[in-house]
Amino acid sequence: MLWAILGLALGVVVGYYIPFTYSDNYSLYISVAILAAMDSVFGAIRSSMENHYNNIMFITGFFTNALLAAFLAYLGDRLGVPLYYAPIIVFGGRLFQNFAAIRRSLVEKFLIEKKRKTRSNIE
């Protein structure tokens, strides 16, 4: 857990101090790819909390989801059809489902711990 927090902090610092810009033309593709990547990260956190985490599944899902979402946005842009709505709906919905499952798991752990402490104080 400590390594994950240190890695996140390092990523934020590097991202803040390294000037990286891109053309406004790519903002749709990048935003959809980031949404897909966030879905993979929240899915990994959820599966880790449920003791089903698999590193290969996370890494392959992270990159393939992001690439597929960006490709759909690009293809839709070329065809003149807003195909980017598909990844937004799918990955956005899954993001909220994963976040709700993480929240539910944390609340249940908190309530179980609180109940355990209450019982130990009574005895």
N, C-alpha and C. Protein backbone atom coordinates (compact mmCIF):
# COMPACT_ATOMS: atom_id res chain seq x y z
N MET A 1 0.83 -1.19 0.00
CA MET A 1 0.00 0.00 0.00
C MET A 1 0.88 1.26 0.00
N LEU A 2 1.96 1.20 0.75
CA LEU A 2 2.87 2.35 0.82
C LEU A 2 3.47 2.63 -0.55
N TRP A 3 3.83 1.56 -1.29
CA TRP A 3 4.42 1.75 -2.61
C TRP A 3 3.42 2.37 -3.58
N ALA A 4 2.17 2.00 -3.44
CA ALA A 4 1.14 2.57 -4.32
C ALA A 4 0.99 4.07 -4.06
N ILE A 5 0.99 4.45 -2.81
CA ILE A 5 0.86 5.88 -2.45
C ILE A 5 2.09 6.66 -2.92
N LEU A 6 3.27 6.08 -2.72
CA LEU A 6 4.49 6.75 -3.19
C LEU A 6 4.50 6.87 -4.71
N GLY A 7 4.07 5.82 -5.40
CA GLY A 7 4.00 5.87 -6.87
C GLY A 7 3.01 6.92 -7.35
N LEU A 8 1.87 7.02 -6.68
CA LEU A 8 0.88 8.02 -7.04
C LEU A 8 1.43 9.42 -6.81
N ALA A 9 2.08 9.63 -5.68
CA ALA A 9 2.65 10.95 -5.38
C ALA A 9 3.74 11.31 -6.39
N LEU A 10 4.58 10.34 -6.74
CA LEU A 10 5.62 10.59 -7.74
C LEU A 10 5.00 10.93 -9.09
N GLY A 11 3.96 10.21 -9.47
CA GLY A 11 3.28 10.50 -10.73
C GLY A 11 2.67 11.89 -10.77
N VAL A 12 2.10 12.33 -9.67
CA VAL A 12 1.51 13.67 -9.61
C VAL A 12 2.61 14.73 -9.72
N VAL A 13 3.71 14.53 -9.01
CA VAL A 13 4.81 15.50 -9.05
C VAL A 13 5.42 15.57 -10.45
N VAL A 14 5.69 14.42 -11.05
CA VAL A 14 6.26 14.39 -12.41
C VAL A 14 5.29 15.03 -13.40
N GLY A 15 4.01 14.69 -13.29
CA GLY A 15 3.01 15.27 -14.19
C GLY A 15 2.86 16.76 -14.04
N TYR A 16 3.08 17.26 -12.84
CA TYR A 16 2.95 18.70 -12.60
C TYR A 16 4.14 19.47 -13.16
N TYR A 17 5.34 18.92 -13.02
CA TYR A 17 6.53 19.67 -13.40
C TYR A 17 7.02 19.43 -14.82
N ILE A 18 6.59 18.38 -15.48
CA ILE A 18 7.01 18.14 -16.87
C ILE A 18 5.95 18.74 -17.78
N PRO A 19 6.35 19.74 -18.57
CA PRO A 19 5.36 20.38 -19.44
C PRO A 19 5.02 19.47 -20.63
N PHE A 20 3.80 18.99 -20.64
CA PHE A 20 3.33 18.13 -21.72
C PHE A 20 2.04 18.71 -22.24
N THR A 21 2.05 19.09 -23.50
CA THR A 21 0.84 19.65 -24.09
C THR A 21 0.49 18.87 -25.35
N TYR A 22 -0.74 18.98 -25.73
CA TYR A 22 -1.21 18.33 -26.94
C TYR A 22 -2.20 19.25 -27.62
N SER A 23 -2.44 18.99 -28.87
CA SER A 23 -3.34 19.81 -29.66
C SER A 23 -4.78 19.63 -29.18
N ASP A 24 -5.56 20.68 -29.30
CA ASP A 24 -6.98 20.60 -28.94
C ASP A 24 -7.73 19.59 -29.79
N ASN A 25 -7.19 19.28 -30.96
CA ASN A 25 -7.83 18.31 -31.84
C ASN A 25 -7.89 16.91 -31.22
N TYR A 26 -6.97 16.64 -30.29
CA TYR A 26 -6.89 15.31 -29.67
C TYR A 26 -7.61 15.23 -28.32
N SER A 27 -8.21 16.30 -27.87
CA SER A 27 -8.79 16.31 -26.53
C SER A 27 -9.92 15.29 -26.37
N LEU A 28 -10.72 15.08 -27.39
CA LEU A 28 -11.80 14.09 -27.31
C LEU A 28 -11.22 12.69 -27.15
N TYR A 29 -10.21 12.35 -27.95
CA TYR A 29 -9.61 11.02 -27.89
C TYR A 29 -8.94 10.79 -26.54
N ILE A 30 -8.23 11.77 -26.06
CA ILE A 30 -7.51 11.63 -24.81
C ILE A 30 -8.49 11.53 -23.63
N SER A 31 -9.54 12.33 -23.64
CA SER A 31 -10.50 12.27 -22.53
C SER A 31 -11.22 10.93 -22.47
N VAL A 32 -11.56 10.37 -23.62
CA VAL A 32 -12.22 9.06 -23.64
C VAL A 32 -11.23 7.98 -23.21
N ALA A 33 -9.98 8.08 -23.63
CA ALA A 33 -8.96 7.11 -23.22
C ALA A 33 -8.69 7.19 -21.72
N ILE A 34 -8.67 8.40 -21.17
CA ILE A 34 -8.48 8.56 -19.73
C ILE A 34 -9.65 7.96 -18.96
N LEU A 35 -10.85 8.15 -19.45
CA LEU A 35 -12.02 7.55 -18.81
C LEU A 35 -11.90 6.03 -18.80
N ALA A 36 -11.48 5.44 -19.90
CA ALA A 36 -11.31 3.99 -19.96
C ALA A 36 -10.20 3.52 -19.02
N ALA A 37 -9.11 4.28 -18.95
CA ALA A 37 -8.02 3.92 -18.04
C ALA A 37 -8.47 4.02 -16.58
N MET A 38 -9.26 5.04 -16.26
CA MET A 38 -9.77 5.18 -14.89
C MET A 38 -10.69 4.01 -14.55
N ASP A 39 -11.48 3.56 -15.52
CA ASP A 39 -12.32 2.39 -15.29
C ASP A 39 -11.47 1.19 -14.94
N SER A 40 -10.36 1.00 -15.63
CA SER A 40 -9.47 -0.12 -15.35
C SER A 40 -8.85 0.00 -13.96
N VAL A 41 -8.47 1.19 -13.57
CA VAL A 41 -7.86 1.39 -12.26
C VAL A 41 -8.88 1.10 -11.15
N PHE A 42 -10.09 1.63 -11.27
CA PHE A 42 -11.10 1.37 -10.25
C PHE A 42 -11.50 -0.11 -10.24
N GLY A 43 -11.51 -0.74 -11.41
CA GLY A 43 -11.77 -2.18 -11.46
C GLY A 43 -10.69 -2.97 -10.76
N ALA A 44 -9.43 -2.54 -10.90
CA ALA A 44 -8.32 -3.21 -10.22
C ALA A 44 -8.42 -3.03 -8.71
N ILE A 45 -8.79 -1.84 -8.27
CA ILE A 45 -8.95 -1.61 -6.83
C ILE A 45 -10.07 -2.49 -6.28
N ARG A 46 -11.17 -2.55 -7.02
CA ARG A 46 -12.29 -3.38 -6.59
C ARG A 46 -11.88 -4.85 -6.52
N SER A 47 -11.24 -5.35 -7.57
CA SER A 47 -10.86 -6.76 -7.57
C SER A 47 -9.82 -7.06 -6.50
N SER A 48 -8.96 -6.10 -6.19
CA SER A 48 -7.99 -6.27 -5.13
C SER A 48 -8.69 -6.38 -3.77
N MET A 49 -9.71 -5.56 -3.57
CA MET A 49 -10.45 -5.62 -2.31
C MET A 49 -11.25 -6.91 -2.18
N GLU A 50 -11.62 -7.51 -3.31
CA GLU A 50 -12.37 -8.76 -3.31
C GLU A 50 -11.44 -9.98 -3.46
N ASN A 51 -10.13 -9.74 -3.40
CA ASN A 51 -9.10 -10.78 -3.50
C ASN A 51 -9.17 -11.56 -4.82
N HIS A 52 -9.45 -10.84 -5.92
CA HIS A 52 -9.48 -11.45 -7.24
C HIS A 52 -8.53 -10.74 -8.20
N TYR A 53 -7.60 -9.95 -7.70
CA TYR A 53 -6.74 -9.14 -8.55
C TYR A 53 -5.76 -10.02 -9.34
N ASN A 54 -5.60 -9.68 -10.61
CA ASN A 54 -4.64 -10.35 -11.48
C ASN A 54 -3.91 -9.26 -12.26
N ASN A 55 -2.61 -9.19 -12.09
CA ASN A 55 -1.82 -8.11 -12.69
C ASN A 55 -1.86 -8.14 -14.22
N ILE A 56 -1.82 -9.31 -14.81
CA ILE A 56 -1.87 -9.42 -16.28
C ILE A 56 -3.21 -8.88 -16.80
N MET A 57 -4.30 -9.24 -16.13
CA MET A 57 -5.61 -8.75 -16.54
C MET A 57 -5.69 -7.24 -16.43
N PHE A 58 -5.11 -6.68 -15.36
CA PHE A 58 -5.13 -5.22 -15.19
C PHE A 58 -4.35 -4.53 -16.30
N ILE A 59 -3.14 -4.97 -16.54
CA ILE A 59 -2.29 -4.29 -17.53
C ILE A 59 -2.89 -4.40 -18.93
N THR A 60 -3.33 -5.59 -19.32
CA THR A 60 -3.91 -5.73 -20.65
C THR A 60 -5.23 -4.96 -20.77
N GLY A 61 -6.05 -5.00 -19.72
CA GLY A 61 -7.31 -4.25 -19.74
C GLY A 61 -7.08 -2.75 -19.79
N PHE A 62 -6.08 -2.28 -19.05
CA PHE A 62 -5.77 -0.85 -19.00
C PHE A 62 -5.47 -0.32 -20.40
N PHE A 63 -4.56 -0.99 -21.09
CA PHE A 63 -4.14 -0.50 -22.40
C PHE A 63 -5.17 -0.78 -23.50
N THR A 64 -5.76 -1.96 -23.50
CA THR A 64 -6.72 -2.27 -24.55
C THR A 64 -7.99 -1.44 -24.42
N ASN A 65 -8.46 -1.21 -23.19
CA ASN A 65 -9.64 -0.37 -23.01
C ASN A 65 -9.38 1.06 -23.49
N ALA A 66 -8.22 1.60 -23.11
CA ALA A 66 -7.89 2.97 -23.51
C ALA A 66 -7.74 3.08 -25.03
N LEU A 67 -7.06 2.10 -25.63
CA LEU A 67 -6.87 2.14 -27.08
C LEU A 67 -8.19 1.95 -27.83
N LEU A 68 -9.01 1.04 -27.36
CA LEU A 68 -10.30 0.81 -28.01
C LEU A 68 -11.19 2.05 -27.90
N ALA A 69 -11.22 2.68 -26.74
CA ALA A 69 -12.03 3.88 -26.58
C ALA A 69 -11.54 5.00 -27.49
N ALA A 70 -10.24 5.21 -27.54
CA ALA A 70 -9.69 6.25 -28.41
C ALA A 70 -9.95 5.91 -29.88
N PHE A 71 -9.83 4.64 -30.25
CA PHE A 71 -10.09 4.24 -31.63
C PHE A 71 -11.55 4.48 -32.01
N LEU A 72 -12.48 4.14 -31.12
CA LEU A 72 -13.89 4.39 -31.41
C LEU A 72 -14.18 5.88 -31.59
N ALA A 73 -13.55 6.70 -30.76
CA ALA A 73 -13.73 8.14 -30.89
C ALA A 73 -13.15 8.62 -32.23
N TYR A 74 -11.99 8.10 -32.59
CA TYR A 74 -11.37 8.48 -33.86
C TYR A 74 -12.21 8.02 -35.05
N LEU A 75 -12.65 6.76 -35.01
CA LEU A 75 -13.46 6.22 -36.10
C LEU A 75 -14.75 7.02 -36.26
N GLY A 76 -15.39 7.32 -35.15
CA GLY A 76 -16.61 8.11 -35.21
C GLY A 76 -16.37 9.49 -35.76
N ASP A 77 -15.22 10.07 -35.40
CA ASP A 77 -14.87 11.40 -35.91
C ASP A 77 -14.68 11.35 -37.43
N ARG A 78 -14.02 10.31 -37.92
CA ARG A 78 -13.80 10.17 -39.36
C ARG A 78 -15.11 9.91 -40.12
N LEU A 79 -16.02 9.16 -39.49
CA LEU A 79 -17.29 8.83 -40.14
C LEU A 79 -18.36 9.90 -39.95
N GLY A 80 -18.10 10.83 -39.06
CA GLY A 80 -19.09 11.87 -38.78
C GLY A 80 -20.21 11.39 -37.87
N VAL A 81 -19.97 10.33 -37.12
CA VAL A 81 -20.94 9.76 -36.20
C VAL A 81 -20.34 9.83 -34.80
N PRO A 82 -21.08 10.29 -33.81
CA PRO A 82 -20.51 10.40 -32.46
C PRO A 82 -20.38 9.05 -31.75
N LEU A 83 -19.45 8.22 -32.23
CA LEU A 83 -19.22 6.90 -31.62
C LEU A 83 -18.58 7.01 -30.24
N TYR A 84 -18.04 8.17 -29.89
CA TYR A 84 -17.41 8.32 -28.59
C TYR A 84 -18.43 8.20 -27.45
N TYR A 85 -19.71 8.31 -27.77
CA TYR A 85 -20.72 8.12 -26.73
C TYR A 85 -20.71 6.70 -26.17
N ALA A 86 -20.41 5.72 -27.01
CA ALA A 86 -20.40 4.32 -26.55
C ALA A 86 -19.40 4.10 -25.43
N PRO A 87 -18.12 4.47 -25.59
CA PRO A 87 -17.20 4.28 -24.47
C PRO A 87 -17.54 5.15 -23.26
N ILE A 88 -18.07 6.34 -23.51
CA ILE A 88 -18.43 7.19 -22.38
C ILE A 88 -19.51 6.52 -21.54
N ILE A 89 -20.51 5.98 -22.19
CA ILE A 89 -21.61 5.33 -21.45
C ILE A 89 -21.12 4.06 -20.77
N VAL A 90 -20.40 3.22 -21.50
CA VAL A 90 -19.96 1.94 -20.94
C VAL A 90 -18.95 2.14 -19.82
N PHE A 91 -17.87 2.87 -20.09
CA PHE A 91 -16.83 3.02 -19.09
C PHE A 91 -17.28 3.93 -17.94
N GLY A 92 -18.09 4.93 -18.25
CA GLY A 92 -18.63 5.77 -17.19
C GLY A 92 -19.53 4.99 -16.26
N GLY A 93 -20.39 4.16 -16.82
CA GLY A 93 -21.25 3.33 -15.98
C GLY A 93 -20.47 2.36 -15.13
N ARG A 94 -19.47 1.70 -15.74
CA ARG A 94 -18.64 0.76 -14.97
C ARG A 94 -17.82 1.47 -13.91
N LEU A 95 -17.39 2.67 -14.21
CA LEU A 95 -16.63 3.44 -13.22
C LEU A 95 -17.47 3.69 -11.98
N PHE A 96 -18.72 4.09 -12.17
CA PHE A 96 -19.61 4.31 -11.03
C PHE A 96 -19.94 3.01 -10.32
N GLN A 97 -20.10 1.91 -11.04
CA GLN A 97 -20.37 0.62 -10.40
C GLN A 97 -19.18 0.17 -9.55
N ASN A 98 -17.98 0.30 -10.10
CA ASN A 98 -16.79 -0.07 -9.34
C ASN A 98 -16.61 0.82 -8.12
N PHE A 99 -16.83 2.11 -8.29
CA PHE A 99 -16.70 3.02 -7.16
C PHE A 99 -17.73 2.69 -6.07
N ALA A 100 -18.95 2.36 -6.47
CA ALA A 100 -19.98 1.99 -5.49
C ALA A 100 -19.59 0.71 -4.76
N ALA A 101 -19.04 -0.25 -5.46
CA ALA A 101 -18.61 -1.50 -4.82
C ALA A 101 -17.46 -1.25 -3.85
N ILE A 102 -16.53 -0.38 -4.21
CA ILE A 102 -15.42 -0.03 -3.32
C ILE A 102 -15.96 0.67 -2.07
N ARG A 103 -16.85 1.61 -2.27
CA ARG A 103 -17.44 2.32 -1.14
C ARG A 103 -18.18 1.36 -0.22
N ARG A 104 -18.99 0.48 -0.81
CA ARG A 104 -19.74 -0.48 -0.04
C ARG A 104 -18.81 -1.38 0.78
N SER A 105 -17.74 -1.83 0.17
CA SER A 105 -16.78 -2.69 0.86
C SER A 105 -16.11 -1.96 2.02
N LEU A 106 -15.72 -0.70 1.79
CA LEU A 106 -15.09 0.07 2.86
C LEU A 106 -16.05 0.35 4.01
N VAL A 107 -17.29 0.67 3.69
CA VAL A 107 -18.28 0.92 4.74
C VAL A 107 -18.55 -0.35 5.53
N GLU A 108 -18.66 -1.48 4.85
CA GLU A 108 -18.88 -2.75 5.56
C GLU A 108 -17.72 -3.08 6.47
N LYS A 109 -16.48 -2.89 6.01
CA LYS A 109 -15.32 -3.13 6.86
C LYS A 109 -15.31 -2.21 8.06
N PHE A 110 -15.67 -0.95 7.84
CA PHE A 110 -15.73 0.01 8.93
C PHE A 110 -16.78 -0.40 9.96
N LEU A 111 -17.96 -0.80 9.49
CA LEU A 111 -19.03 -1.20 10.40
C LEU A 111 -18.67 -2.47 11.16
N ILE A 112 -18.03 -3.42 10.50
CA ILE A 112 -17.61 -4.65 11.17
C ILE A 112 -16.57 -4.33 12.24
N GLU A 113 -15.63 -3.47 11.93
CA GLU A 113 -14.60 -3.08 12.90
C GLU A 113 -15.22 -2.34 14.08
N LYS A 114 -16.16 -1.46 13.78
CA LYS A 114 -16.84 -0.71 14.85
C LYS A 114 -17.62 -1.66 15.75
N LYS A 115 -18.28 -2.64 15.16
CA LYS A 115 -19.05 -3.62 15.93
C LYS A 115 -18.12 -4.46 16.79
N ARG A 116 -16.97 -4.84 16.24
CA ARG A 116 -15.99 -5.63 16.99
C ARG A 116 -15.47 -4.86 18.18
N LYS A 117 -15.17 -3.57 18.00
CA LYS A 117 -14.68 -2.74 19.10
C LYS A 117 -15.75 -2.56 20.17
N THR A 118 -17.00 -2.41 19.76
CA THR A 118 -18.09 -2.25 20.71
C THR A 118 -18.24 -3.50 21.55
N ARG A 119 -18.15 -4.66 20.93
CA ARG A 119 -18.25 -5.94 21.66
C ARG A 119 -17.11 -6.10 22.63
N SER A 120 -15.88 -5.72 22.23
CA SER A 120 -14.74 -5.88 23.12
C SER A 120 -14.80 -4.92 24.30
N ASN A 121 -15.44 -3.76 24.12
CA ASN A 121 -15.59 -2.82 25.22
C ASN A 121 -16.64 -3.29 26.22
N ILE A 122 -17.66 -4.00 25.73
CA ILE A 122 -18.72 -4.50 26.60
C ILE A 122 -18.19 -5.65 27.45
N GLU A 123 -17.37 -6.51 26.87
CA GLU A 123 -16.86 -7.67 27.59
C GLU A 123 -15.73 -7.25 28.45
